[in-house]
Structure formats: C-alpha cells, structure tokens
Amino acid sequence: MAAQKMISVDQLCIFYEVETTFVYSLNDHGLMELRKSGKSYMVDFEQLADFEKFIHLHYDLDINMEGLEAITHLLSRVQELQREIKRLKNESGR
C-alpha cells in the first residue's frame, strides 16, 4: 500500500496564503478532513483540489462556511443524479 502524501496545515497556509483558522473552520464544518501527526495537523494531497475551490469560493466570492457546505452538498447531489442518469441510460440500451 502506497504511503499517502500529506502536507501540514501550516505549510498549506503559507503556500496558499490563507489563515490557519480557515483550514480549521473547513474541518469543523466537515468540508475537509485533518489528521493529527505528532504536534501538527495534516491534509491529504487528494483534498487539495477541493481546498482550492473553497479558497476561490470563500475569498474571491465571499461565500461563508454555511454557503460552502450548501454548495458542496448540492454539487455532490448533482454528481449522484448524473451517475443515476448514466446508469439508467445504460440499462435502457441508449
């Protein structure tokens, strides 16, 4: 099993020039998952694409955490519906 690539919250915030409170708030709202490693909290590289979306939505479009939660939920629901449509089309032979 390959080791997961991780970055510390501090390094992440320096790289993206955001406050650590933003990352912890995303974690508190269930939008990102932080992992404890020694004295630091870490973020899996697989979450970076979503993190970049959250930065754009929050800082550029001024959307608060509750808005980010709602957007994330709605986008997830749209993806589920798209998968269901594809499945139904495959079953109908189209």
PDB file of N, CA and C in Angstrom:
ATOM      1  N   MET A   1       0.844  -1.184   0.000  1.00  0.00           N
ATOM      2  CA  MET A   1       0.000   0.000   0.000  1.00  0.00           C
ATOM      3  C   MET A   1       0.886   1.243   0.000  1.00  0.00           C
ATOM      4  N   ALA A   2       0.628   2.160  -0.920  1.00  0.00           N
ATOM      5  CA  ALA A   2       1.445   3.371  -1.045  1.00  0.00           C
ATOM      6  C   ALA A   2       1.139   4.331   0.095  1.00  0.00           C
ATOM      7  N   ALA A   3       2.179   5.001   0.539  1.00  0.00           N
ATOM      8  CA  ALA A   3       2.009   5.990   1.606  1.00  0.00           C
ATOM      9  C   ALA A   3       1.250   7.189   1.054  1.00  0.00           C
ATOM     10  N   GLN A   4       0.360   7.718   1.884  1.00  0.00           N
ATOM     11  CA  GLN A   4      -0.395   8.897   1.475  1.00  0.00           C
ATOM     12  C   GLN A   4       0.495  10.122   1.576  1.00  0.00           C
ATOM     13  N   LYS A   5       0.388  10.975   0.585  1.00  0.00           N
ATOM     14  CA  LYS A   5       1.142  12.220   0.611  1.00  0.00           C
ATOM     15  C   LYS A   5       0.327  13.240   1.374  1.00  0.00           C
ATOM     16  N   MET A   6       0.990  13.869   2.333  1.00  0.00           N
ATOM     17  CA  MET A   6       0.309  14.811   3.213  1.00  0.00           C
ATOM     18  C   MET A   6       1.109  16.108   3.284  1.00  0.00           C
ATOM     19  N   ILE A   7       0.430  17.186   3.654  1.00  0.00           N
ATOM     20  CA  ILE A   7       1.062  18.473   3.896  1.00  0.00           C
ATOM     21  C   ILE A   7       0.512  19.017   5.205  1.00  0.00           C
ATOM     22  N   SER A   8       1.368  19.657   5.970  1.00  0.00           N
ATOM     23  CA  SER A   8       0.898  20.206   7.242  1.00  0.00           C
ATOM     24  C   SER A   8       0.012  21.427   6.983  1.00  0.00           C
ATOM     25  N   VAL A   9      -0.884  21.694   7.911  1.00  0.00           N
ATOM     26  CA  VAL A   9      -1.764  22.851   7.801  1.00  0.00           C
ATOM     27  C   VAL A   9      -0.931  24.129   7.709  1.00  0.00           C
ATOM     28  N   ASP A  10       0.128  24.214   8.496  1.00  0.00           N
ATOM     29  CA  ASP A  10       0.972  25.410   8.462  1.00  0.00           C
ATOM     30  C   ASP A  10       1.597  25.613   7.082  1.00  0.00           C
ATOM     31  N   GLN A  11       2.141  24.547   6.502  1.00  0.00           N
ATOM     32  CA  GLN A  11       2.741  24.649   5.165  1.00  0.00           C
ATOM     33  C   GLN A  11       1.691  24.992   4.115  1.00  0.00           C
ATOM     34  N   LEU A  12       0.532  24.383   4.234  1.00  0.00           N
ATOM     35  CA  LEU A  12      -0.570  24.627   3.311  1.00  0.00           C
ATOM     36  C   LEU A  12      -0.960  26.103   3.322  1.00  0.00           C
ATOM     37  N   CYS A  13      -1.063  26.655   4.512  1.00  0.00           N
ATOM     38  CA  CYS A  13      -1.481  28.052   4.656  1.00  0.00           C
ATOM     39  C   CYS A  13      -0.429  29.017   4.120  1.00  0.00           C
ATOM     40  N   ILE A  14       0.827  28.679   4.317  1.00  0.00           N
ATOM     41  CA  ILE A  14       1.901  29.510   3.767  1.00  0.00           C
ATOM     42  C   ILE A  14       1.850  29.469   2.243  1.00  0.00           C
ATOM     43  N   PHE A  15       1.713  28.267   1.679  1.00  0.00           N
ATOM     44  CA  PHE A  15       1.700  28.115   0.225  1.00  0.00           C
ATOM     45  C   PHE A  15       0.525  28.857  -0.412  1.00  0.00           C
ATOM     46  N   TYR A  16      -0.674  28.706   0.164  1.00  0.00           N
ATOM     47  CA  TYR A  16      -1.872  29.313  -0.418  1.00  0.00           C
ATOM     48  C   TYR A  16      -2.172  30.715   0.136  1.00  0.00           C
ATOM     49  N   GLU A  17      -1.355  31.159   1.078  1.00  0.00           N
ATOM     50  CA  GLU A  17      -1.515  32.482   1.686  1.00  0.00           C
ATOM     51  C   GLU A  17      -2.915  32.673   2.278  1.00  0.00           C
ATOM     52  N   VAL A  18      -3.312  31.709   3.115  1.00  0.00           N
ATOM     53  CA  VAL A  18      -4.587  31.783   3.830  1.00  0.00           C
ATOM     54  C   VAL A  18      -4.318  31.577   5.319  1.00  0.00           C
ATOM     55  N   GLU A  19      -5.268  31.985   6.128  1.00  0.00           N
ATOM     56  CA  GLU A  19      -5.151  31.828   7.579  1.00  0.00           C
ATOM     57  C   GLU A  19      -5.412  30.375   7.988  1.00  0.00           C
ATOM     58  N   THR A  20      -4.721  29.950   9.029  1.00  0.00           N
ATOM     59  CA  THR A  20      -4.942  28.589   9.534  1.00  0.00           C
ATOM     60  C   THR A  20      -6.378  28.427  10.036  1.00  0.00           C
ATOM     61  N   THR A  21      -6.967  29.499  10.532  1.00  0.00           N
ATOM     62  CA  THR A  21      -8.347  29.414  11.018  1.00  0.00           C
ATOM     63  C   THR A  21      -9.305  29.005   9.902  1.00  0.00           C
ATOM     64  N   PHE A  22      -8.989  29.387   8.659  1.00  0.00           N
ATOM     65  CA  PHE A  22      -9.816  28.989   7.516  1.00  0.00           C
ATOM     66  C   PHE A  22      -9.805  27.473   7.364  1.00  0.00           C
ATOM     67  N   VAL A  23      -8.622  26.871   7.444  1.00  0.00           N
ATOM     68  CA  VAL A  23      -8.494  25.412   7.292  1.00  0.00           C
ATOM     69  C   VAL A  23      -9.207  24.698   8.440  1.00  0.00           C
ATOM     70  N   TYR A  24      -9.003  25.175   9.656  1.00  0.00           N
ATOM     71  CA  TYR A  24      -9.656  24.537  10.803  1.00  0.00           C
ATOM     72  C   TYR A  24     -11.173  24.700  10.736  1.00  0.00           C
ATOM     73  N   SER A  25     -11.623  25.816  10.202  1.00  0.00           N
ATOM     74  CA  SER A  25     -13.059  26.020  10.043  1.00  0.00           C
ATOM     75  C   SER A  25     -13.635  25.049   9.003  1.00  0.00           C
ATOM     76  N   LEU A  26     -12.893  24.827   7.913  1.00  0.00           N
ATOM     77  CA  LEU A  26     -13.330  23.831   6.919  1.00  0.00           C
ATOM     78  C   LEU A  26     -13.447  22.458   7.565  1.00  0.00           C
ATOM     79  N   ASN A  27     -12.485  22.123   8.423  1.00  0.00           N
ATOM     80  CA  ASN A  27     -12.518  20.852   9.134  1.00  0.00           C
ATOM     81  C   ASN A  27     -13.727  20.795  10.073  1.00  0.00           C
ATOM     82  N   ASP A  28     -13.952  21.858  10.822  1.00  0.00           N
ATOM     83  CA  ASP A  28     -15.067  21.901  11.775  1.00  0.00           C
ATOM     84  C   ASP A  28     -16.423  21.749  11.078  1.00  0.00           C
ATOM     85  N   HIS A  29     -16.515  22.224   9.829  1.00  0.00           N
ATOM     86  CA  HIS A  29     -17.765  22.132   9.073  1.00  0.00           C
ATOM     87  C   HIS A  29     -17.855  20.859   8.235  1.00  0.00           C
ATOM     88  N   GLY A  30     -16.873  19.968   8.388  1.00  0.00           N
ATOM     89  CA  GLY A  30     -16.909  18.693   7.681  1.00  0.00           C
ATOM     90  C   GLY A  30     -16.559  18.785   6.206  1.00  0.00           C
ATOM     91  N   LEU A  31     -15.925  19.886   5.791  1.00  0.00           N
ATOM     92  CA  LEU A  31     -15.592  20.065   4.385  1.00  0.00           C
ATOM     93  C   LEU A  31     -14.201  19.533   4.037  1.00  0.00           C
ATOM     94  N   MET A  32     -13.360  19.393   5.047  1.00  0.00           N
ATOM     95  CA  MET A  32     -12.033  18.800   4.885  1.00  0.00           C
ATOM     96  C   MET A  32     -11.768  17.922   6.088  1.00  0.00           C
ATOM     97  N   GLU A  33     -10.870  16.952   5.893  1.00  0.00           N
ATOM     98  CA  GLU A  33     -10.508  16.074   6.996  1.00  0.00           C
ATOM     99  C   GLU A  33      -9.039  16.292   7.334  1.00  0.00           C
ATOM    100  N   LEU A  34      -8.785  16.714   8.565  1.00  0.00           N
ATOM    101  CA  LEU A  34      -7.420  16.898   9.042  1.00  0.00           C
ATOM    102  C   LEU A  34      -7.016  15.676   9.841  1.00  0.00           C
ATOM    103  N   ARG A  35      -5.730  15.330   9.749  1.00  0.00           N
ATOM    104  CA  ARG A  35      -5.206  14.204  10.518  1.00  0.00           C
ATOM    105  C   ARG A  35      -4.094  14.695  11.415  1.00  0.00           C
ATOM    106  N   LYS A  36      -4.107  14.216  12.639  1.00  0.00           N
ATOM    107  CA  LYS A  36      -3.085  14.586  13.617  1.00  0.00           C
ATOM    108  C   LYS A  36      -1.843  13.736  13.378  1.00  0.00           C
ATOM    109  N   SER A  37      -0.687  14.391  13.319  1.00  0.00           N
ATOM    110  CA  SER A  37       0.579  13.700  13.166  1.00  0.00           C
ATOM    111  C   SER A  37       1.587  14.393  14.080  1.00  0.00           C
ATOM    112  N   GLY A  38       1.839  13.781  15.222  1.00  0.00           N
ATOM    113  CA  GLY A  38       2.705  14.428  16.209  1.00  0.00           C
ATOM    114  C   GLY A  38       2.021  15.667  16.748  1.00  0.00           C
ATOM    115  N   LYS A  39       2.672  16.793  16.611  1.00  0.00           N
ATOM    116  CA  LYS A  39       2.105  18.055  17.086  1.00  0.00           C
ATOM    117  C   LYS A  39       1.372  18.821  15.995  1.00  0.00           C
ATOM    118  N   SER A  40       1.411  18.305  14.769  1.00  0.00           N
ATOM    119  CA  SER A  40       0.831  19.016  13.626  1.00  0.00           C
ATOM    120  C   SER A  40      -0.441  18.347  13.128  1.00  0.00           C
ATOM    121  N   TYR A  41      -1.246  19.135  12.444  1.00  0.00           N
ATOM    122  CA  TYR A  41      -2.380  18.599  11.698  1.00  0.00           C
ATOM    123  C   TYR A  41      -1.993  18.587  10.231  1.00  0.00           C
ATOM    124  N   MET A  42      -2.397  17.518   9.540  1.00  0.00           N
ATOM    125  CA  MET A  42      -2.003  17.300   8.156  1.00  0.00           C
ATOM    126  C   MET A  42      -3.236  17.209   7.255  1.00  0.00           C
ATOM    127  N   VAL A  43      -3.010  17.534   5.977  1.00  0.00           N
ATOM    128  CA  VAL A  43      -4.051  17.450   4.955  1.00  0.00           C
ATOM    129  C   VAL A  43      -3.550  16.509   3.862  1.00  0.00           C
ATOM    130  N   ASP A  44      -4.388  15.567   3.459  1.00  0.00           N
ATOM    131  CA  ASP A  44      -4.056  14.644   2.382  1.00  0.00           C
ATOM    132  C   ASP A  44      -4.053  15.412   1.056  1.00  0.00           C
ATOM    133  N   PHE A  45      -3.055  15.141   0.212  1.00  0.00           N
ATOM    134  CA  PHE A  45      -2.952  15.813  -1.084  1.00  0.00           C
ATOM    135  C   PHE A  45      -4.220  15.643  -1.919  1.00  0.00           C
ATOM    136  N   GLU A  46      -4.940  14.533  -1.728  1.00  0.00           N
ATOM    137  CA  GLU A  46      -6.164  14.294  -2.501  1.00  0.00           C
ATOM    138  C   GLU A  46      -7.229  15.346  -2.235  1.00  0.00           C
ATOM    139  N   GLN A  47      -7.113  16.085  -1.142  1.00  0.00           N
ATOM    140  CA  GLN A  47      -8.089  17.115  -0.794  1.00  0.00           C
ATOM    141  C   GLN A  47      -7.741  18.491  -1.356  1.00  0.00           C
ATOM    142  N   LEU A  48      -6.574  18.615  -1.990  1.00  0.00           N
ATOM    143  CA  LEU A  48      -6.107  19.929  -2.420  1.00  0.00           C
ATOM    144  C   LEU A  48      -6.980  20.566  -3.499  1.00  0.00           C
ATOM    145  N   ALA A  49      -7.512  19.782  -4.413  1.00  0.00           N
ATOM    146  CA  ALA A  49      -8.386  20.346  -5.454  1.00  0.00           C
ATOM    147  C   ALA A  49      -9.627  20.975  -4.819  1.00  0.00           C
ATOM    148  N   ASP A  50     -10.236  20.267  -3.864  1.00  0.00           N
ATOM    149  CA  ASP A  50     -11.393  20.826  -3.162  1.00  0.00           C
ATOM    150  C   ASP A  50     -10.990  22.054  -2.354  1.00  0.00           C
ATOM    151  N   PHE A  51      -9.830  21.988  -1.726  1.00  0.00           N
ATOM    152  CA  PHE A  51      -9.343  23.117  -0.936  1.00  0.00           C
ATOM    153  C   PHE A  51      -9.207  24.369  -1.813  1.00  0.00           C
ATOM    154  N   GLU A  52      -8.670  24.208  -3.009  1.00  0.00           N
ATOM    155  CA  GLU A  52      -8.533  25.344  -3.915  1.00  0.00           C
ATOM    156  C   GLU A  52      -9.898  25.918  -4.299  1.00  0.00           C
ATOM    157  N   LYS A  53     -10.893  25.043  -4.490  1.00  0.00           N
ATOM    158  CA  LYS A  53     -12.256  25.512  -4.774  1.00  0.00           C
ATOM    159  C   LYS A  53     -12.798  26.308  -3.596  1.00  0.00           C
ATOM    160  N   PHE A  54     -12.573  25.804  -2.380  1.00  0.00           N
ATOM    161  CA  PHE A  54     -13.057  26.503  -1.189  1.00  0.00           C
ATOM    162  C   PHE A  54     -12.397  27.872  -1.051  1.00  0.00           C
ATOM    163  N   ILE A  55     -11.109  27.953  -1.359  1.00  0.00           N
ATOM    164  CA  ILE A  55     -10.416  29.246  -1.308  1.00  0.00           C
ATOM    165  C   ILE A  55     -11.079  30.223  -2.265  1.00  0.00           C
ATOM    166  N   HIS A  56     -11.296  29.787  -3.493  1.00  0.00           N
ATOM    167  CA  HIS A  56     -11.918  30.656  -4.501  1.00  0.00           C
ATOM    168  C   HIS A  56     -13.319  31.102  -4.056  1.00  0.00           C
ATOM    169  N   LEU A  57     -14.127  30.151  -3.639  1.00  0.00           N
ATOM    170  CA  LEU A  57     -15.493  30.482  -3.237  1.00  0.00           C
ATOM    171  C   LEU A  57     -15.520  31.422  -2.032  1.00  0.00           C
ATOM    172  N   HIS A  58     -14.661  31.169  -1.066  1.00  0.00           N
ATOM    173  CA  HIS A  58     -14.674  31.949   0.175  1.00  0.00           C
ATOM    174  C   HIS A  58     -14.042  33.333   0.006  1.00  0.00           C
ATOM    175  N   TYR A  59     -12.839  33.354  -0.541  1.00  0.00           N
ATOM    176  CA  TYR A  59     -12.104  34.616  -0.604  1.00  0.00           C
ATOM    177  C   TYR A  59     -12.472  35.469  -1.816  1.00  0.00           C
ATOM    178  N   ASP A  60     -12.670  34.855  -2.970  1.00  0.00           N
ATOM    179  CA  ASP A  60     -12.977  35.628  -4.171  1.00  0.00           C
ATOM    180  C   ASP A  60     -14.458  35.973  -4.279  1.00  0.00           C
ATOM    181  N   LEU A  61     -15.322  35.049  -3.858  1.00  0.00           N
ATOM    182  CA  LEU A  61     -16.768  35.266  -3.991  1.00  0.00           C
ATOM    183  C   LEU A  61     -17.442  35.587  -2.663  1.00  0.00           C
ATOM    184  N   ASP A  62     -16.656  35.614  -1.579  1.00  0.00           N
ATOM    185  CA  ASP A  62     -17.136  35.994  -0.247  1.00  0.00           C
ATOM    186  C   ASP A  62     -18.276  35.099   0.252  1.00  0.00           C
ATOM    187  N   ILE A  63     -18.138  33.797   0.031  1.00  0.00           N
ATOM    188  CA  ILE A  63     -19.147  32.836   0.493  1.00  0.00           C
ATOM    189  C   ILE A  63     -18.705  32.292   1.851  1.00  0.00           C
ATOM    190  N   ASN A  64     -19.616  32.347   2.824  1.00  0.00           N
ATOM    191  CA  ASN A  64     -19.285  31.897   4.186  1.00  0.00           C
ATOM    192  C   ASN A  64     -19.306  30.372   4.286  1.00  0.00           C
ATOM    193  N   MET A  65     -18.941  29.866   5.464  1.00  0.00           N
ATOM    194  CA  MET A  65     -18.829  28.419   5.663  1.00  0.00           C
ATOM    195  C   MET A  65     -20.152  27.700   5.415  1.00  0.00           C
ATOM    196  N   GLU A  66     -21.243  28.293   5.853  1.00  0.00           N
ATOM    197  CA  GLU A  66     -22.550  27.661   5.644  1.00  0.00           C
ATOM    198  C   GLU A  66     -22.857  27.583   4.154  1.00  0.00           C
ATOM    199  N   GLY A  67     -22.481  28.618   3.414  1.00  0.00           N
ATOM    200  CA  GLY A  67     -22.653  28.612   1.962  1.00  0.00           C
ATOM    201  C   GLY A  67     -21.794  27.543   1.305  1.00  0.00           C
ATOM    202  N   LEU A  68     -20.556  27.404   1.788  1.00  0.00           N
ATOM    203  CA  LEU A  68     -19.678  26.356   1.257  1.00  0.00           C
ATOM    204  C   LEU A  68     -20.266  24.976   1.498  1.00  0.00           C
ATOM    205  N   GLU A  69     -20.848  24.780   2.687  1.00  0.00           N
ATOM    206  CA  GLU A  69     -21.496  23.499   2.986  1.00  0.00           C
ATOM    207  C   GLU A  69     -22.644  23.242   2.021  1.00  0.00           C
ATOM    208  N   ALA A  70     -23.474  24.259   1.792  1.00  0.00           N
ATOM    209  CA  ALA A  70     -24.627  24.102   0.909  1.00  0.00           C
ATOM    210  C   ALA A  70     -24.178  23.813  -0.523  1.00  0.00           C
ATOM    211  N   ILE A  71     -23.196  24.551  -1.005  1.00  0.00           N
ATOM    212  CA  ILE A  71     -22.686  24.344  -2.362  1.00  0.00           C
ATOM    213  C   ILE A  71     -22.114  22.944  -2.507  1.00  0.00           C
ATOM    214  N   THR A  72     -21.332  22.511  -1.532  1.00  0.00           N
ATOM    215  CA  THR A  72     -20.724  21.178  -1.569  1.00  0.00           C
ATOM    216  C   THR A  72     -21.804  20.104  -1.601  1.00  0.00           C
ATOM    217  N   HIS A  73     -22.835  20.265  -0.780  1.00  0.00           N
ATOM    218  CA  HIS A  73     -23.935  19.299  -0.755  1.00  0.00           C
ATOM    219  C   HIS A  73     -24.654  19.255  -2.101  1.00  0.00           C
ATOM    220  N   LEU A  74     -24.949  20.428  -2.661  1.00  0.00           N
ATOM    221  CA  LEU A  74     -25.668  20.471  -3.935  1.00  0.00           C
ATOM    222  C   LEU A  74     -24.836  19.886  -5.073  1.00  0.00           C
ATOM    223  N   LEU A  75     -23.542  20.180  -5.118  1.00  0.00           N
ATOM    224  CA  LEU A  75     -22.681  19.616  -6.157  1.00  0.00           C
ATOM    225  C   LEU A  75     -22.582  18.098  -6.036  1.00  0.00           C
ATOM    226  N   SER A  76     -22.530  17.616  -4.811  1.00  0.00           N
ATOM    227  CA  SER A  76     -22.499  16.171  -4.579  1.00  0.00           C
ATOM    228  C   SER A  76     -23.790  15.533  -5.082  1.00  0.00           C
ATOM    229  N   ARG A  77     -24.893  16.182  -4.814  1.00  0.00           N
ATOM    230  CA  ARG A  77     -26.202  15.672  -5.246  1.00  0.00           C
ATOM    231  C   ARG A  77     -26.304  15.654  -6.775  1.00  0.00           C
ATOM    232  N   VAL A  78     -25.805  16.700  -7.424  1.00  0.00           N
ATOM    233  CA  VAL A  78     -25.807  16.760  -8.892  1.00  0.00           C
ATOM    234  C   VAL A  78     -24.992  15.606  -9.461  1.00  0.00           C
ATOM    235  N   GLN A  79     -23.822  15.329  -8.873  1.00  0.00           N
ATOM    236  CA  GLN A  79     -22.993  14.214  -9.340  1.00  0.00           C
ATOM    237  C   GLN A  79     -23.715  12.884  -9.180  1.00  0.00           C
ATOM    238  N   GLU A  80     -24.414  12.706  -8.062  1.00  0.00           N
ATOM    239  CA  GLU A  80     -25.190  11.480  -7.850  1.00  0.00           C
ATOM    240  C   GLU A  80     -26.262  11.334  -8.916  1.00  0.00           C
ATOM    241  N   LEU A  81     -26.959  12.414  -9.206  1.00  0.00           N
ATOM    242  CA  LEU A  81     -28.022  12.374 -10.214  1.00  0.00           C
ATOM    243  C   LEU A  81     -27.460  12.093 -11.602  1.00  0.00           C
ATOM    244  N   GLN A  82     -26.290  12.666 -11.916  1.00  0.00           N
ATOM    245  CA  GLN A  82     -25.665  12.395 -13.206  1.00  0.00           C
ATOM    246  C   GLN A  82     -25.287  10.923 -13.335  1.00  0.00           C
ATOM    247  N   ARG A  83     -24.765  10.333 -12.256  1.00  0.00           N
ATOM    248  CA  ARG A  83     -24.435   8.896 -12.274  1.00  0.00           C
ATOM    249  C   ARG A  83     -25.702   8.059 -12.465  1.00  0.00           C
ATOM    250  N   GLU A  84     -26.772   8.456 -11.813  1.00  0.00           N
ATOM    251  CA  GLU A  84     -28.037   7.730 -11.930  1.00  0.00           C
ATOM    252  C   GLU A  84     -28.582   7.819 -13.351  1.00  0.00           C
ATOM    253  N   ILE A  85     -28.506   8.986 -13.963  1.00  0.00           N
ATOM    254  CA  ILE A  85     -28.959   9.153 -15.349  1.00  0.00           C
ATOM    255  C   ILE A  85     -28.141   8.262 -16.271  1.00  0.00           C
ATOM    256  N   LYS A  86     -26.832   8.244 -16.082  1.00  0.00           N
ATOM    257  CA  LYS A  86     -25.958   7.413 -16.909  1.00  0.00           C
ATOM    258  C   LYS A  86     -26.297   5.937 -16.735  1.00  0.00           C
ATOM    259  N   ARG A  87     -26.530   5.525 -15.488  1.00  0.00           N
ATOM    260  CA  ARG A  87     -26.896   4.138 -15.223  1.00  0.00           C
ATOM    261  C   ARG A  87     -28.209   3.770 -15.921  1.00  0.00           C
ATOM    262  N   LEU A  88     -29.194   4.639 -15.824  1.00  0.00           N
ATOM    263  CA  LEU A  88     -30.490   4.380 -16.435  1.00  0.00           C
ATOM    264  C   LEU A  88     -30.388   4.337 -17.957  1.00  0.00           C
ATOM    265  N   LYS A  89     -29.565   5.214 -18.534  1.00  0.00           N
ATOM    266  CA  LYS A  89     -29.365   5.174 -19.980  1.00  0.00           C
ATOM    267  C   LYS A  89     -28.715   3.866 -20.399  1.00  0.00           C
ATOM    268  N   ASN A  90     -27.745   3.411 -19.621  1.00  0.00           N
ATOM    269  CA  ASN A  90     -27.078   2.141 -19.932  1.00  0.00           C
ATOM    270  C   ASN A  90     -28.050   0.973 -19.844  1.00  0.00           C
ATOM    271  N   GLU A  91     -28.947   1.003 -18.863  1.00  0.00           N
ATOM    272  CA  GLU A  91     -29.920  -0.078 -18.697  1.00  0.00           C
ATOM    273  C   GLU A  91     -30.932  -0.080 -19.834  1.00  0.00           C
ATOM    274  N   SER A  92     -31.261   1.094 -20.349  1.00  0.00           N
ATOM    275  CA  SER A  92     -32.266   1.177 -21.416  1.00  0.00           C
ATOM    276  C   SER A  92     -31.661   0.914 -22.782  1.00  0.00           C
ATOM    277  N   GLY A  93     -30.321   0.781 -22.839  1.00  0.00           N
ATOM    278  CA  GLY A  93     -29.683   0.467 -24.110  1.00  0.00           C
ATOM    279  C   GLY A  93     -29.377   1.673 -24.958  1.00  0.00           C
ATOM    280  N   ARG A  94     -29.456   2.849 -24.401  1.00  0.00           N
ATOM    281  CA  ARG A  94     -29.178   4.079 -25.178  1.00  0.00           C
ATOM    282  C   ARG A  94     -27.744   4.445 -25.109  1.00  0.00           C
TER     283      ARG A  94
END
